[in-house]
Amino acid sequence: MSVKRRNPQPLSEPRLEELALAYVARFATTQGKLRDYLQRKLRERGWDGEGDGDSGPDLERLIGRYVELGYVDDAGWARMKAGSLLRRGYGARRVGEALGHAGLDEALREDVRPDEATERRAALVLARRRRFGPFSAQEADRPLREKHMGAMLRAGHRLDVARAIIDAETPEDAEAWVSEAEED
């Protein structure tokens, strides 16, 4: 069991750097996530103000130095996160939301946006995993079809993509639809 300190000591410049270094050593992260972490630690523990005239630490300088050293790589993190979500079956909208929550700008999110074939492949993965459409064990009546469609939309897939997967007659038809985009 961990022991929580009742009155943690305010952070100093060296201690803040130690926290930042430990965070980037443990987690792949973005500039926005590192900034949020450091700001939270400053709110929790306070700042001792030594050497900065009580103005607080220069977080942007610290984060910028870690970017220069390669400890924080927003583009690499975005590619990794987008790939992970797509392999799990999430759609482009959901990928964009996850990247936005991590503090990545719109230009970077657009760079890692999946193409049509990748979007279709992700929808197929989700349908297989959750047994939607042609992968369902039971006959798809209207309420079940709507339930599957809603789940596909919540996972971030476009309506036309979800509809194509759910409406496929057989798993082979769904796979052919995905292959069609991969050939283009």
Protein backbone atom coordinates (compact mmCIF):
# COMPACT_ATOMS: atom_id res chain seq x y z
CA MET A 1 0.00 0.00 0.00
CA SER A 2 1.37 3.40 -0.95
CA VAL A 3 1.66 6.15 1.59
CA LYS A 4 0.26 9.50 0.48
CA ARG A 5 1.98 12.58 1.75
CA ARG A 6 -0.41 14.94 3.46
CA ASN A 7 1.62 18.05 2.71
CA PRO A 8 3.73 17.46 -0.39
CA GLN A 9 6.61 19.85 -0.88
CA PRO A 10 6.17 22.54 -3.55
CA LEU A 11 7.94 21.80 -6.80
CA SER A 12 11.26 23.36 -7.70
CA GLU A 13 12.82 23.54 -11.15
CA PRO A 14 14.95 20.38 -10.68
CA ARG A 15 12.04 18.39 -9.23
CA LEU A 16 9.73 19.50 -12.08
CA GLU A 17 12.33 18.32 -14.59
CA GLU A 18 12.58 14.98 -12.78
CA LEU A 19 8.81 14.56 -12.98
CA ALA A 20 8.77 15.45 -16.68
CA LEU A 21 11.64 13.11 -17.48
CA ALA A 22 10.05 10.24 -15.54
CA TYR A 23 6.78 10.82 -17.39
CA VAL A 24 8.30 10.79 -20.89
CA ALA A 25 10.46 7.80 -19.98
CA ARG A 26 7.41 5.81 -18.91
CA PHE A 27 4.83 6.88 -21.49
CA ALA A 28 4.82 7.68 -25.19
CA THR A 29 3.24 11.11 -25.08
CA THR A 30 2.46 14.34 -26.86
CA GLN A 31 3.35 17.92 -26.01
CA GLY A 32 -0.23 18.57 -24.94
CA LYS A 33 -0.39 15.55 -22.65
CA LEU A 34 2.96 16.40 -21.06
CA ARG A 35 1.85 20.02 -20.53
CA ASP A 36 -1.42 18.84 -18.90
CA TYR A 37 0.50 16.47 -16.62
CA LEU A 38 2.96 19.14 -15.48
CA GLN A 39 0.19 21.70 -14.93
CA ARG A 40 -1.73 19.18 -12.83
CA LYS A 41 1.36 18.50 -10.71
CA LEU A 42 1.87 22.24 -10.23
CA ARG A 43 -1.77 22.64 -9.13
CA GLU A 44 -1.45 19.73 -6.70
CA ARG A 45 1.90 20.64 -5.19
CA GLY A 46 2.44 24.32 -5.88
CA TRP A 47 5.60 26.14 -6.96
CA ASP A 48 8.35 27.22 -4.61
CA GLY A 49 9.16 30.18 -6.86
CA GLU A 50 12.89 30.10 -6.37
CA GLY A 51 14.83 31.82 -9.11
CA ASP A 52 11.81 32.73 -11.25
CA GLY A 53 10.51 35.73 -9.37
CA ASP A 54 7.32 33.85 -8.42
CA SER A 55 6.24 33.78 -12.07
CA GLY A 56 6.17 30.00 -12.19
CA PRO A 57 8.13 27.60 -14.31
CA ASP A 58 8.64 27.95 -18.04
CA LEU A 59 6.82 24.80 -19.14
CA GLU A 60 7.08 25.65 -22.84
CA ARG A 61 10.87 25.80 -22.63
CA LEU A 62 11.00 22.45 -20.81
CA ILE A 63 8.62 20.78 -23.28
CA GLY A 64 10.45 22.34 -26.24
CA ARG A 65 13.74 20.93 -25.01
CA TYR A 66 12.22 17.43 -24.74
CA VAL A 67 10.89 17.77 -28.28
CA GLU A 68 14.37 18.75 -29.54
CA LEU A 69 15.88 15.76 -27.74
CA GLY A 70 13.30 13.47 -29.34
CA TYR A 71 11.67 12.40 -26.07
CA VAL A 72 8.33 13.80 -27.26
CA ASP A 73 7.26 13.21 -30.86
CA ASP A 74 3.71 14.29 -31.67
CA ALA A 75 3.78 12.95 -35.23
CA GLY A 76 5.12 9.56 -34.19
CA TRP A 77 2.59 9.30 -31.37
CA ALA A 78 -0.24 10.23 -33.74
CA ARG A 79 0.75 7.52 -36.24
CA MET A 80 1.03 4.95 -33.46
CA LYS A 81 -2.31 5.84 -31.87
CA ALA A 82 -4.18 6.04 -35.19
CA GLY A 83 -2.80 2.68 -36.29
CA SER A 84 -3.72 1.08 -32.99
CA LEU A 85 -7.31 2.36 -33.08
CA LEU A 86 -7.79 1.37 -36.72
CA ARG A 87 -6.49 -2.15 -36.08
CA ARG A 88 -9.05 -2.45 -33.27
CA GLY A 89 -11.83 -1.48 -35.68
CA TYR A 90 -12.48 2.18 -34.85
CA GLY A 91 -13.40 4.63 -37.60
CA ALA A 92 -11.79 7.85 -38.78
CA ARG A 93 -14.01 10.12 -36.68
CA ARG A 94 -13.14 8.26 -33.49
CA VAL A 95 -9.43 8.34 -34.37
CA GLY A 96 -9.62 12.10 -34.93
CA GLU A 97 -11.35 12.59 -31.58
CA ALA A 98 -8.69 10.58 -29.73
CA LEU A 99 -5.92 12.61 -31.36
CA GLY A 100 -7.74 15.85 -30.56
CA HIS A 101 -8.06 14.86 -26.89
CA ALA A 102 -4.30 14.32 -26.82
CA GLY A 103 -3.80 17.95 -27.83
CA LEU A 104 -2.72 17.41 -31.43
CA ASP A 105 -3.48 20.15 -33.94
CA GLU A 106 -5.78 19.73 -36.93
CA ALA A 107 -2.95 19.58 -39.48
CA LEU A 108 -1.33 16.62 -37.74
CA ARG A 109 -4.69 14.85 -37.38
CA GLU A 110 -5.28 15.33 -41.10
CA ASP A 111 -1.86 13.84 -41.91
CA VAL A 112 -2.72 10.55 -40.20
CA ARG A 113 -6.32 10.41 -41.39
CA PRO A 114 -6.98 6.94 -42.86
CA ASP A 115 -7.66 6.48 -46.55
CA GLU A 116 -10.79 4.78 -47.90
CA ALA A 117 -9.27 1.28 -47.95
CA THR A 118 -8.04 1.58 -44.36
CA GLU A 119 -11.44 2.83 -43.21
CA ARG A 120 -13.16 -0.11 -44.87
CA ARG A 121 -10.66 -2.56 -43.38
CA ALA A 122 -11.28 -1.13 -39.88
CA ALA A 123 -15.05 -1.47 -40.34
CA LEU A 124 -14.60 -5.09 -41.40
CA VAL A 125 -12.46 -5.77 -38.32
CA LEU A 126 -15.13 -4.33 -36.04
CA ALA A 127 -17.93 -6.24 -37.76
CA ARG A 128 -16.02 -9.50 -37.44
CA ARG A 129 -15.09 -8.92 -33.83
CA ARG A 130 -18.56 -7.84 -32.71
CA ARG A 131 -20.40 -10.20 -35.10
CA PHE A 132 -22.28 -7.53 -37.03
CA GLY A 133 -24.00 -7.86 -40.38
CA PRO A 134 -22.96 -10.96 -42.31
CA PHE A 135 -20.89 -12.18 -39.33
CA SER A 136 -23.94 -12.32 -37.05
CA ALA A 137 -25.08 -15.72 -35.80
CA GLN A 138 -28.75 -14.74 -35.90
CA GLU A 139 -30.97 -13.44 -38.66
CA ALA A 140 -30.78 -9.65 -38.79
CA ASP A 141 -34.25 -8.24 -38.23
CA ARG A 142 -34.77 -4.48 -38.26
CA PRO A 143 -34.10 -3.83 -34.52
CA LEU A 144 -30.91 -5.91 -34.56
CA ARG A 145 -29.74 -4.23 -37.77
CA GLU A 146 -30.33 -0.80 -36.21
CA LYS A 147 -28.45 -1.85 -33.09
CA HIS A 148 -25.48 -2.97 -35.19
CA MET A 149 -25.62 0.22 -37.24
CA GLY A 150 -25.63 2.36 -34.10
CA ALA A 151 -22.60 0.54 -32.72
CA MET A 152 -20.71 1.06 -35.99
CA LEU A 153 -21.54 4.77 -35.95
CA ARG A 154 -20.48 5.15 -32.30
CA ALA A 155 -17.20 3.47 -33.20
CA GLY A 156 -16.58 6.37 -35.59
CA HIS A 157 -17.50 4.90 -38.97
CA ARG A 158 -19.30 6.91 -41.64
CA LEU A 159 -22.89 5.96 -42.41
CA ASP A 160 -22.10 4.69 -45.91
CA VAL A 161 -19.30 2.46 -44.60
CA ALA A 162 -21.44 1.06 -41.78
CA ARG A 163 -24.36 0.47 -44.12
CA ALA A 164 -22.19 -1.36 -46.66
CA ILE A 165 -20.83 -3.73 -44.00
CA ILE A 166 -24.19 -4.35 -42.30
CA ASP A 167 -26.00 -4.88 -45.62
CA ALA A 168 -23.47 -7.35 -47.03
CA GLU A 169 -25.11 -10.72 -47.70
CA THR A 170 -22.11 -12.90 -46.83
CA PRO A 171 -18.72 -12.40 -45.20
CA GLU A 172 -17.14 -12.90 -48.63
CA ASP A 173 -19.20 -9.98 -50.01
CA ALA A 174 -17.95 -7.75 -47.18
CA GLU A 175 -14.35 -8.80 -47.81
CA ALA A 176 -14.76 -8.20 -51.54
CA TRP A 177 -16.06 -4.69 -50.79
CA VAL A 178 -12.93 -4.00 -48.75
CA SER A 179 -10.65 -5.50 -51.40
CA GLU A 180 -12.29 -3.31 -54.04
CA ALA A 181 -11.01 -0.18 -52.24
CA GLU A 182 -7.56 -1.67 -51.67
CA GLU A 183 -7.10 -2.29 -55.41
CA ASP A 184 -7.81 1.35 -56.30
